[in-house]
Amino acid sequence: MTSAIAQEAVQPCPECGTEIRGDSRFTVWCAACDWNVDPGEPQPHPGRLERAERALARRHGEQLLAEMLSGHDARPRRDASAVAATALALTVHGITLAFAAGGVWCLVAGWGGVGIVAGLVLLALAWMLAPRVGRLPDDLTVLLRGDAPELFTLADEVAEAVGTRSVDAIAVDGSINAAVTTYGLRGRRLLMLGMPLWEVLTPEERIALLGHELAHYANGDTRNGLVVGTAIRTLSVWHHILQPLPHPTGLEIIVNALYVLPRLLIGGLLVLLVRLTSRAGTRAEYLADRLAARTASTQAAVGLMDRLLITDSLDLRLRTEANRAALGGPRSTRKATDRADELWGTLTTYTATIPEHEYERQRRAGARRGHQVDTTHPPTHLRRACLLAGRPETAAVVPQAHRTELIATELAAARTEVARRLLRGGL
């Protein structure tokens, strides 16, 4: 089991000979020469196309960071990429509509059995590929305003500070993350709140987290919009349907061969649509960070960034506790609330003992990895640097001790349920 107590390790650096003093619970590395700063698996040498994509992502990332640091207006704008993404998304939806129209036409054309079969097949394809509205998760604890009035009041204040309307529901899960989405035909707003992340944040950092997530509604991120977002999901469905059949028979081998060209075409369209929206998505993250700082203070937003640097360590800690519970023999007779309190207390204590040199290692490792081409999030160390380079912001929303206690009470049942699931090995 990983201890929550610092364990000093001292050794000379194999590269430069500098004495290294660190915590043996974490990666031992040299601050003088960066030896072992990023000991992950070595990446395979990228091909020419991948090198070109990485270079493009790095150039765009550096340009966008410079733009954010310049202090100029960085609000979302409808550039050529956004227009092209919208046009491509409308084309995708047009194909789905064409399937539906073709299916109806086949049914009414009077072609007999062949027309009926063809019409039903086309209508079934249109139904499968039609844009879907989100729904409230039925496997998570979902809180409405009547369930957590103080938490929603805090969300309302944060939403007002970032210039948008608040959420209609909050779903609590076991992820070390948070996100926003919509559900229902009326586009109601849903906040997905990861209890492990919420637990290790200070009250100020929690406000920064809410500010960042709610800011996505205010930023108009194209990838999460109705037209482009549903098109990405539709293409993903197409690509999944056309996956090769495993262990094919003779006939299925022919089917797999027929799938190759459509799958490559759809995969290419999906990659293109994601690439066209990646710059807007990255900009939206920087803007959300900026609004989080204005809502909760720069210090709180930077603290949130630091916590995001150690999510892998927190995940490992949770898994360690789950394994410990699984190896503990028969189920404990203690109350579920006691087991939950112990889990969250252990996680919070562990987080408080993570040394600064581990945060610094994560920042340097992030700098080495650079911009990734498969994510809308800029590297966390750059988001942190961008916050520190800007004008220091004071908090527009300040935590209140009494409200913090009431929110903890409102989240108590969800807190216990998430802990129970985590200790059973499921996030």
Protein backbone atom coordinates (compact mmCIF):
# COMPACT_ATOMS: atom_id res chain seq x y z
CA MET A 1 0.00 0.00 0.00
CA THR A 2 1.26 3.47 -0.86
CA SER A 3 1.94 5.41 2.30
CA ALA A 4 0.58 8.89 2.85
CA ILE A 5 3.78 9.80 4.73
CA ALA A 6 6.77 11.26 2.93
CA GLN A 7 9.65 8.79 2.54
CA GLU A 8 12.93 10.56 1.79
CA ALA A 9 15.22 9.06 -0.81
CA VAL A 10 18.78 10.29 -1.39
CA GLN A 11 21.00 9.24 -4.30
CA PRO A 12 23.45 10.73 -6.82
CA CYS A 13 22.11 11.49 -10.30
CA PRO A 14 23.37 8.84 -12.77
CA GLU A 15 23.74 11.53 -15.44
CA CYS A 16 25.31 14.57 -13.76
CA GLY A 17 26.22 13.33 -10.26
CA THR A 18 24.09 15.93 -8.45
CA GLU A 19 22.71 14.71 -5.13
CA ILE A 20 18.99 13.97 -5.51
CA ARG A 21 16.72 14.29 -2.50
CA GLY A 22 13.19 13.17 -3.15
CA ASP A 23 10.20 11.19 -1.92
CA SER A 24 10.48 7.50 -2.75
CA ARG A 25 6.70 7.27 -3.16
CA PHE A 26 7.13 9.17 -6.41
CA THR A 27 9.46 9.14 -9.39
CA VAL A 28 13.00 10.06 -8.37
CA TRP A 29 14.43 12.59 -10.83
CA CYS A 30 17.15 15.21 -11.14
CA ALA A 31 16.16 18.87 -11.21
CA ALA A 32 19.61 19.84 -12.46
CA CYS A 33 19.64 17.83 -15.70
CA ASP A 34 16.06 16.42 -15.93
CA TRP A 35 17.25 12.82 -15.64
CA ASN A 36 14.21 10.52 -15.30
CA VAL A 37 11.82 13.47 -15.38
CA ASP A 38 9.45 11.56 -17.70
CA PRO A 39 10.09 7.83 -17.28
CA GLY A 40 7.03 6.70 -19.24
CA GLU A 41 7.22 4.15 -22.01
CA PRO A 42 9.28 5.47 -24.95
CA GLN A 43 7.13 6.57 -27.85
CA PRO A 44 7.66 4.85 -31.21
CA HIS A 45 9.37 7.02 -33.81
CA PRO A 46 6.50 8.81 -35.54
CA GLY A 47 5.98 8.54 -39.29
CA ARG A 48 6.07 11.51 -41.64
CA LEU A 49 2.33 12.21 -41.38
CA GLU A 50 2.35 12.02 -37.59
CA ARG A 51 5.41 14.29 -37.42
CA ALA A 52 3.59 16.79 -39.62
CA GLU A 53 0.51 16.64 -37.39
CA ARG A 54 2.58 17.15 -34.25
CA ALA A 55 4.41 20.08 -35.82
CA LEU A 56 1.08 21.65 -36.83
CA ALA A 57 -0.37 21.12 -33.36
CA ARG A 58 2.75 22.62 -31.76
CA ARG A 59 2.69 25.65 -34.07
CA HIS A 60 -1.01 26.28 -33.50
CA GLY A 61 -0.59 25.74 -29.77
CA GLU A 62 2.31 28.20 -29.55
CA GLN A 63 0.41 30.78 -31.62
CA LEU A 64 -2.66 30.44 -29.45
CA LEU A 65 -0.64 30.66 -26.24
CA ALA A 66 1.06 33.82 -27.53
CA GLU A 67 -2.34 35.24 -28.41
CA MET A 68 -3.68 34.51 -24.93
CA LEU A 69 -0.58 36.04 -23.29
CA SER A 70 -0.76 39.16 -25.45
CA GLY A 71 -3.79 40.45 -23.59
CA HIS A 72 -5.73 41.00 -26.82
CA ASP A 73 -9.36 40.01 -27.21
CA ALA A 74 -9.34 36.20 -27.38
CA ARG A 75 -13.06 35.56 -27.48
CA PRO A 76 -14.30 32.68 -29.67
CA ARG A 77 -14.50 33.66 -33.31
CA ARG A 78 -15.92 32.01 -36.38
CA ASP A 79 -12.81 31.46 -38.49
CA ALA A 80 -12.39 29.41 -41.67
CA SER A 81 -11.92 26.18 -39.70
CA ALA A 82 -15.16 26.72 -37.79
CA VAL A 83 -17.06 27.43 -41.01
CA ALA A 84 -15.59 24.35 -42.69
CA ALA A 85 -16.43 22.20 -39.64
CA THR A 86 -20.03 23.43 -39.68
CA ALA A 87 -20.33 22.75 -43.42
CA LEU A 88 -18.92 19.25 -42.99
CA ALA A 89 -21.24 18.58 -40.05
CA LEU A 90 -24.26 19.73 -42.07
CA THR A 91 -23.18 17.38 -44.86
CA VAL A 92 -23.09 14.47 -42.40
CA HIS A 93 -26.59 15.31 -41.17
CA GLY A 94 -27.71 15.73 -44.78
CA ILE A 95 -26.65 12.15 -45.54
CA THR A 96 -28.68 10.92 -42.57
CA LEU A 97 -31.67 12.91 -43.83
CA ALA A 98 -31.17 11.46 -47.31
CA PHE A 99 -31.36 7.94 -45.85
CA ALA A 100 -34.65 8.83 -44.21
CA ALA A 101 -36.08 10.43 -47.35
CA GLY A 102 -34.90 7.52 -49.49
CA GLY A 103 -36.50 5.04 -47.12
CA VAL A 104 -39.87 6.80 -47.27
CA TRP A 105 -39.65 7.03 -51.06
CA CYS A 106 -38.93 3.32 -51.40
CA LEU A 107 -41.93 2.48 -49.22
CA VAL A 108 -44.36 4.59 -51.23
CA ALA A 109 -42.91 3.96 -54.71
CA GLY A 110 -44.92 0.77 -55.16
CA TRP A 111 -42.00 -1.57 -55.78
CA GLY A 112 -43.50 -4.38 -53.78
CA GLY A 113 -41.45 -6.46 -51.40
CA VAL A 114 -38.09 -5.19 -52.66
CA GLY A 115 -39.13 -1.59 -52.08
CA ILE A 116 -40.44 -2.37 -48.60
CA VAL A 117 -37.22 -4.13 -47.59
CA ALA A 118 -35.02 -1.37 -49.03
CA GLY A 119 -37.17 1.31 -47.41
CA LEU A 120 -37.05 -0.34 -44.01
CA VAL A 121 -33.28 -0.79 -44.23
CA LEU A 122 -32.76 2.88 -45.14
CA LEU A 123 -35.10 4.05 -42.37
CA ALA A 124 -33.30 1.81 -39.87
CA LEU A 125 -29.96 3.33 -40.91
CA ALA A 126 -31.41 6.84 -40.59
CA TRP A 127 -32.74 6.01 -37.13
CA MET A 128 -29.39 4.63 -35.99
CA LEU A 129 -27.46 7.61 -37.32
CA ALA A 130 -29.89 10.34 -36.35
CA PRO A 131 -28.56 12.89 -33.83
CA ARG A 132 -29.41 11.88 -30.28
CA VAL A 133 -30.22 14.21 -27.43
CA GLY A 134 -28.50 13.47 -24.16
CA ARG A 135 -30.29 11.94 -21.20
CA LEU A 136 -29.77 12.06 -17.49
CA PRO A 137 -27.55 9.13 -16.45
CA ASP A 138 -29.57 6.42 -14.75
CA ASP A 139 -26.56 4.73 -13.13
CA LEU A 140 -25.31 7.75 -11.17
CA THR A 141 -26.57 9.90 -8.32
CA VAL A 142 -28.31 12.86 -9.97
CA LEU A 143 -29.08 15.92 -7.88
CA LEU A 144 -31.78 18.44 -8.75
CA ARG A 145 -32.32 21.82 -7.12
CA GLY A 146 -34.53 20.43 -4.39
CA ASP A 147 -31.87 17.86 -3.46
CA ALA A 148 -28.97 20.30 -3.03
CA PRO A 149 -30.19 23.91 -2.78
CA GLU A 150 -26.91 25.30 -1.42
CA LEU A 151 -24.80 23.61 -4.09
CA PHE A 152 -27.09 24.94 -6.81
CA THR A 153 -27.03 28.41 -5.25
CA LEU A 154 -23.23 28.33 -5.44
CA ALA A 155 -23.45 27.16 -9.07
CA ASP A 156 -25.88 30.01 -9.79
CA GLU A 157 -23.47 32.59 -8.38
CA VAL A 158 -20.58 31.14 -10.37
CA ALA A 159 -22.69 31.08 -13.56
CA GLU A 160 -23.60 34.73 -13.07
CA ALA A 161 -19.92 35.58 -12.60
CA VAL A 162 -18.91 33.91 -15.89
CA GLY A 163 -21.89 35.34 -17.79
CA THR A 164 -24.10 32.34 -18.46
CA ARG A 165 -27.07 30.55 -16.96
CA SER A 166 -26.63 27.81 -14.40
CA VAL A 167 -27.09 24.05 -14.63
CA ASP A 168 -30.35 22.15 -14.22
CA ALA A 169 -28.88 18.96 -12.77
CA ILE A 170 -25.64 17.67 -11.23
CA ALA A 171 -24.53 14.05 -11.64
CA VAL A 172 -21.91 12.77 -9.20
CA ASP A 173 -19.51 10.00 -10.24
CA GLY A 174 -16.16 8.50 -9.28
CA SER A 175 -14.00 10.14 -11.92
CA ILE A 176 -11.15 12.51 -11.12
CA ASN A 177 -12.68 15.00 -13.47
CA ALA A 178 -15.59 17.32 -14.13
CA ALA A 179 -17.48 18.17 -17.31
CA VAL A 180 -20.60 19.84 -18.63
CA THR A 181 -23.07 18.65 -21.23
CA THR A 182 -26.73 19.01 -22.17
CA TYR A 183 -29.71 16.69 -22.01
CA GLY A 184 -33.27 16.63 -23.29
CA LEU A 185 -34.90 18.33 -26.25
CA ARG A 186 -34.78 21.70 -24.54
CA GLY A 187 -31.02 21.50 -24.04
CA ARG A 188 -31.06 21.47 -20.26
CA ARG A 189 -27.63 21.72 -18.67
CA LEU A 190 -25.88 18.97 -16.73
CA LEU A 191 -22.71 19.19 -14.64
CA MET A 192 -20.78 15.94 -14.23
CA LEU A 193 -18.93 16.21 -10.92
CA GLY A 194 -16.20 13.73 -10.00
CA MET A 195 -16.28 13.24 -6.23
CA PRO A 196 -12.56 12.29 -5.89
CA LEU A 197 -11.54 15.58 -7.51
CA TRP A 198 -14.07 17.59 -5.49
CA GLU A 199 -12.81 16.05 -2.24
CA VAL A 200 -9.15 17.02 -2.71
CA LEU A 201 -9.88 20.63 -3.69
CA THR A 202 -10.06 23.55 -1.32
CA PRO A 203 -13.34 25.54 -1.23
CA GLU A 204 -11.70 28.22 -3.40
CA GLU A 205 -10.47 25.63 -5.91
CA ARG A 206 -13.95 24.11 -6.06
CA ILE A 207 -15.32 27.49 -7.12
CA ALA A 208 -12.57 27.67 -9.76
CA LEU A 209 -13.60 24.23 -11.00
CA LEU A 210 -17.24 25.29 -11.29
CA GLY A 211 -16.14 28.50 -13.00
CA HIS A 212 -14.07 26.61 -15.56
CA GLU A 213 -16.82 24.13 -16.40
CA LEU A 214 -19.67 26.64 -16.58
CA ALA A 215 -17.49 28.90 -18.72
CA HIS A 216 -17.72 26.31 -21.50
CA TYR A 217 -21.37 27.24 -21.90
CA ALA A 218 -20.38 30.90 -22.22
CA ASN A 219 -17.52 30.28 -24.69
CA GLY A 220 -19.60 28.67 -27.45
CA ASP A 221 -17.18 25.76 -28.04
CA THR A 222 -18.06 24.55 -31.57
CA ARG A 223 -17.24 20.92 -30.85
CA ASN A 224 -19.87 20.81 -28.09
CA GLY A 225 -22.49 22.59 -30.18
CA LEU A 226 -25.65 21.01 -31.50
CA VAL A 227 -24.59 20.80 -35.17
CA VAL A 228 -20.93 19.80 -34.91
CA GLY A 229 -21.19 17.83 -31.67
CA THR A 230 -23.95 15.57 -32.97
CA ALA A 231 -22.10 15.12 -36.28
CA ILE A 232 -19.01 13.88 -34.44
CA ARG A 233 -21.18 11.40 -32.54
CA THR A 234 -22.86 10.28 -35.79
CA LEU A 235 -19.53 9.67 -37.52
CA SER A 236 -18.35 7.76 -34.46
CA VAL A 237 -21.43 5.51 -34.73
CA TRP A 238 -20.76 4.91 -38.43
CA HIS A 239 -17.13 4.06 -37.74
CA HIS A 240 -18.14 1.66 -34.96
CA ILE A 241 -20.72 -0.12 -37.14
CA LEU A 242 -18.16 -0.67 -39.88
CA GLN A 243 -15.54 -2.24 -37.62
CA PRO A 244 -14.26 -5.59 -39.00
CA LEU A 245 -16.13 -8.64 -37.73
CA PRO A 246 -13.92 -10.68 -35.37
CA HIS A 247 -13.04 -14.27 -36.35
CA PRO A 248 -14.86 -13.97 -39.68
CA THR A 249 -16.30 -16.88 -41.64
CA GLY A 250 -15.90 -17.07 -45.41
CA LEU A 251 -18.85 -14.76 -46.09
CA GLU A 252 -17.86 -12.39 -43.28
CA ILE A 253 -14.39 -12.04 -44.82
CA ILE A 254 -16.08 -10.62 -47.92
CA VAL A 255 -18.18 -8.31 -45.74
CA ASN A 256 -15.05 -7.10 -43.93
CA ALA A 257 -13.41 -6.40 -47.30
CA LEU A 258 -16.44 -4.35 -48.40
CA TYR A 259 -16.23 -2.37 -45.16
CA VAL A 260 -12.62 -1.24 -45.71
CA LEU A 261 -13.19 1.71 -48.05
CA PRO A 262 -16.26 3.15 -46.26
CA ARG A 263 -14.52 2.77 -42.90
CA LEU A 264 -11.42 4.59 -44.13
CA LEU A 265 -13.57 7.35 -45.63
CA ILE A 266 -15.62 7.81 -42.45
CA GLY A 267 -12.53 7.63 -40.27
CA GLY A 268 -10.91 10.31 -42.39
CA LEU A 269 -13.99 12.54 -42.10
CA LEU A 270 -14.04 12.06 -38.34
CA VAL A 271 -10.35 12.96 -38.01
CA LEU A 272 -10.87 15.98 -40.28
CA LEU A 273 -13.84 17.22 -38.25
CA VAL A 274 -11.91 16.85 -35.00
CA ARG A 275 -8.89 18.65 -36.49
CA LEU A 276 -11.05 21.52 -37.77
CA THR A 277 -12.47 22.07 -34.29
CA SER A 278 -9.33 21.41 -32.25
CA ARG A 279 -8.09 25.02 -32.30
CA ALA A 280 -11.48 26.30 -31.14
CA GLY A 281 -11.54 23.65 -28.42
CA THR A 282 -8.08 24.62 -27.19
CA ARG A 283 -9.03 28.30 -27.19
CA ALA A 284 -12.15 27.45 -25.18
CA GLU A 285 -10.01 25.80 -22.49
CA TYR A 286 -7.79 28.86 -22.11
CA LEU A 287 -10.84 31.12 -21.98
CA ALA A 288 -12.50 28.88 -19.40
CA ASP A 289 -9.34 29.08 -17.26
CA ARG A 290 -9.40 32.86 -17.53
CA LEU A 291 -13.04 33.01 -16.41
CA ALA A 292 -12.29 30.57 -13.58
CA ALA A 293 -9.58 32.95 -12.35
CA ARG A 294 -11.93 35.92 -12.51
CA THR A 295 -14.52 33.94 -10.57
CA ALA A 296 -12.40 32.31 -7.86
CA SER A 297 -9.07 34.26 -8.09
CA THR A 298 -5.91 33.48 -9.99
CA GLN A 299 -4.47 31.70 -6.98
CA ALA A 300 -7.42 29.31 -6.81
CA ALA A 301 -7.33 28.63 -10.56
CA VAL A 302 -3.59 27.88 -10.40
CA GLY A 303 -4.23 25.57 -7.44
CA LEU A 304 -6.79 23.74 -9.55
CA MET A 305 -4.22 23.33 -12.33
CA ASP A 306 -1.78 21.79 -9.85
CA ARG A 307 -4.39 19.27 -8.74
CA LEU A 308 -5.03 18.35 -12.38
CA LEU A 309 -1.31 17.59 -12.75
CA ILE A 310 -1.53 14.75 -10.23
CA THR A 311 -4.70 13.00 -11.39
CA ASP A 312 -2.70 9.89 -12.34
CA SER A 313 -1.29 9.70 -8.80
CA LEU A 314 -4.76 10.11 -7.33
CA ASP A 315 -6.12 7.40 -9.61
CA LEU A 316 -3.35 5.04 -8.51
CA ARG A 317 -4.11 5.81 -4.88
CA LEU A 318 -7.80 5.02 -5.37
CA ARG A 319 -6.96 1.75 -7.07
CA THR A 320 -4.59 0.87 -4.25
CA GLU A 321 -7.37 1.43 -1.73
CA ALA A 322 -9.77 -0.66 -3.83
CA ASN A 323 -7.24 -3.52 -3.96
CA ARG A 324 -6.70 -3.21 -0.24
CA ALA A 325 -10.45 -3.49 0.36
CA ALA A 326 -10.69 -6.50 -1.98
CA LEU A 327 -7.87 -8.32 -0.17
CA GLY A 328 -9.31 -7.55 3.24
CA GLY A 329 -11.41 -10.71 3.32
CA PRO A 330 -15.08 -10.62 4.29
CA ARG A 331 -16.85 -7.29 4.01
CA SER A 332 -16.33 -5.00 6.93
CA THR A 333 -19.17 -4.69 9.40
CA ARG A 334 -18.54 -0.96 9.64
CA LYS A 335 -21.11 1.40 8.27
CA ALA A 336 -20.77 2.48 4.65
CA THR A 337 -20.43 6.08 5.80
CA ASP A 338 -17.43 5.13 7.96
CA ARG A 339 -15.73 3.38 5.04
CA ALA A 340 -16.46 6.40 2.82
CA ASP A 341 -15.03 8.81 5.40
CA GLU A 342 -11.90 6.69 5.65
CA LEU A 343 -11.44 6.60 1.86
CA TRP A 344 -11.90 10.34 1.39
CA GLY A 345 -9.76 11.09 4.43
CA THR A 346 -6.97 8.89 3.07
CA LEU A 347 -7.16 10.52 -0.36
CA THR A 348 -7.15 14.04 1.09
CA THR A 349 -4.21 13.30 3.40
CA TYR A 350 -2.28 11.71 0.55
CA THR A 351 -2.87 14.76 -1.65
CA ALA A 352 -1.68 17.10 1.09
CA THR A 353 1.61 15.17 1.36
CA ILE A 354 2.50 15.26 -2.35
CA PRO A 355 5.72 17.29 -2.44
CA GLU A 356 6.31 20.32 -4.62
CA HIS A 357 9.06 18.55 -6.55
CA GLU A 358 6.48 16.05 -7.87
CA TYR A 359 4.36 18.91 -9.18
CA GLU A 360 7.46 20.42 -10.78
CA ARG A 361 8.34 17.06 -12.37
CA GLN A 362 4.87 16.84 -13.87
CA ARG A 363 5.21 20.35 -15.27
CA ARG A 364 8.59 19.56 -16.85
CA ALA A 365 7.32 16.25 -18.21
CA GLY A 366 4.40 18.07 -19.79
CA ALA A 367 6.79 20.53 -21.42
CA ARG A 368 8.75 17.63 -22.91
CA ARG A 369 5.64 15.98 -24.33
CA GLY A 370 4.44 19.21 -25.88
CA HIS A 371 1.08 19.71 -27.57
CA GLN A 372 -0.89 16.60 -28.34
CA VAL A 373 -2.87 16.38 -31.59
CA ASP A 374 -5.60 14.15 -30.21
CA THR A 375 -6.98 16.38 -27.46
CA THR A 376 -8.69 19.73 -27.13
CA HIS A 377 -6.94 20.47 -23.84
CA PRO A 378 -3.68 22.40 -23.99
CA PRO A 379 -0.93 21.02 -21.73
CA THR A 380 -1.73 21.74 -18.10
CA HIS A 381 1.64 23.38 -17.44
CA LEU A 382 0.90 25.92 -20.20
CA ARG A 383 -2.55 26.61 -18.82
CA ARG A 384 -0.94 27.26 -15.44
CA ALA A 385 1.74 29.50 -16.95
CA CYS A 386 -0.89 31.44 -18.86
CA LEU A 387 -2.80 32.13 -15.65
CA LEU A 388 0.33 33.30 -13.84
CA ALA A 389 1.40 35.53 -16.72
CA GLY A 390 -1.87 37.44 -16.74
CA ARG A 391 -3.06 40.13 -14.40
CA PRO A 392 -3.73 38.66 -10.94
CA GLU A 393 -7.48 38.35 -10.41
CA THR A 394 -9.36 38.56 -7.14
CA ALA A 395 -12.33 36.35 -6.37
CA ALA A 396 -15.80 37.39 -7.51
CA VAL A 397 -17.31 34.46 -5.59
CA VAL A 398 -15.93 33.79 -2.12
CA PRO A 399 -16.57 30.53 -0.22
CA GLN A 400 -18.57 30.75 2.98
CA ALA A 401 -17.78 28.29 5.77
CA HIS A 402 -21.45 27.72 6.64
CA ARG A 403 -22.36 27.06 3.01
CA THR A 404 -19.39 24.70 2.58
CA GLU A 405 -20.71 22.62 5.49
CA LEU A 406 -24.23 22.58 4.07
CA ILE A 407 -22.97 21.50 0.66
CA ALA A 408 -21.03 18.68 2.31
CA THR A 409 -24.26 17.54 3.96
CA GLU A 410 -26.13 17.68 0.64
CA LEU A 411 -23.43 15.57 -1.02
CA ALA A 412 -23.17 13.06 1.85
CA ALA A 413 -25.30 10.33 0.26
CA ALA A 414 -23.57 10.65 -3.11
CA ARG A 415 -20.20 10.75 -1.36
CA THR A 416 -20.93 7.43 0.36
CA GLU A 417 -22.28 5.79 -2.80
CA VAL A 418 -19.28 6.81 -4.90
CA ALA A 419 -16.90 5.53 -2.21
CA ARG A 420 -18.75 2.21 -2.14
CA ARG A 421 -18.37 1.83 -5.89
CA LEU A 422 -14.71 2.83 -5.84
CA LEU A 423 -13.89 0.32 -3.14
CA ARG A 424 -15.58 -2.34 -5.24
CA GLY A 425 -13.20 -1.46 -8.04
CA GLY A 426 -15.49 0.53 -10.32
CA LEU A 427 -15.05 4.17 -11.22
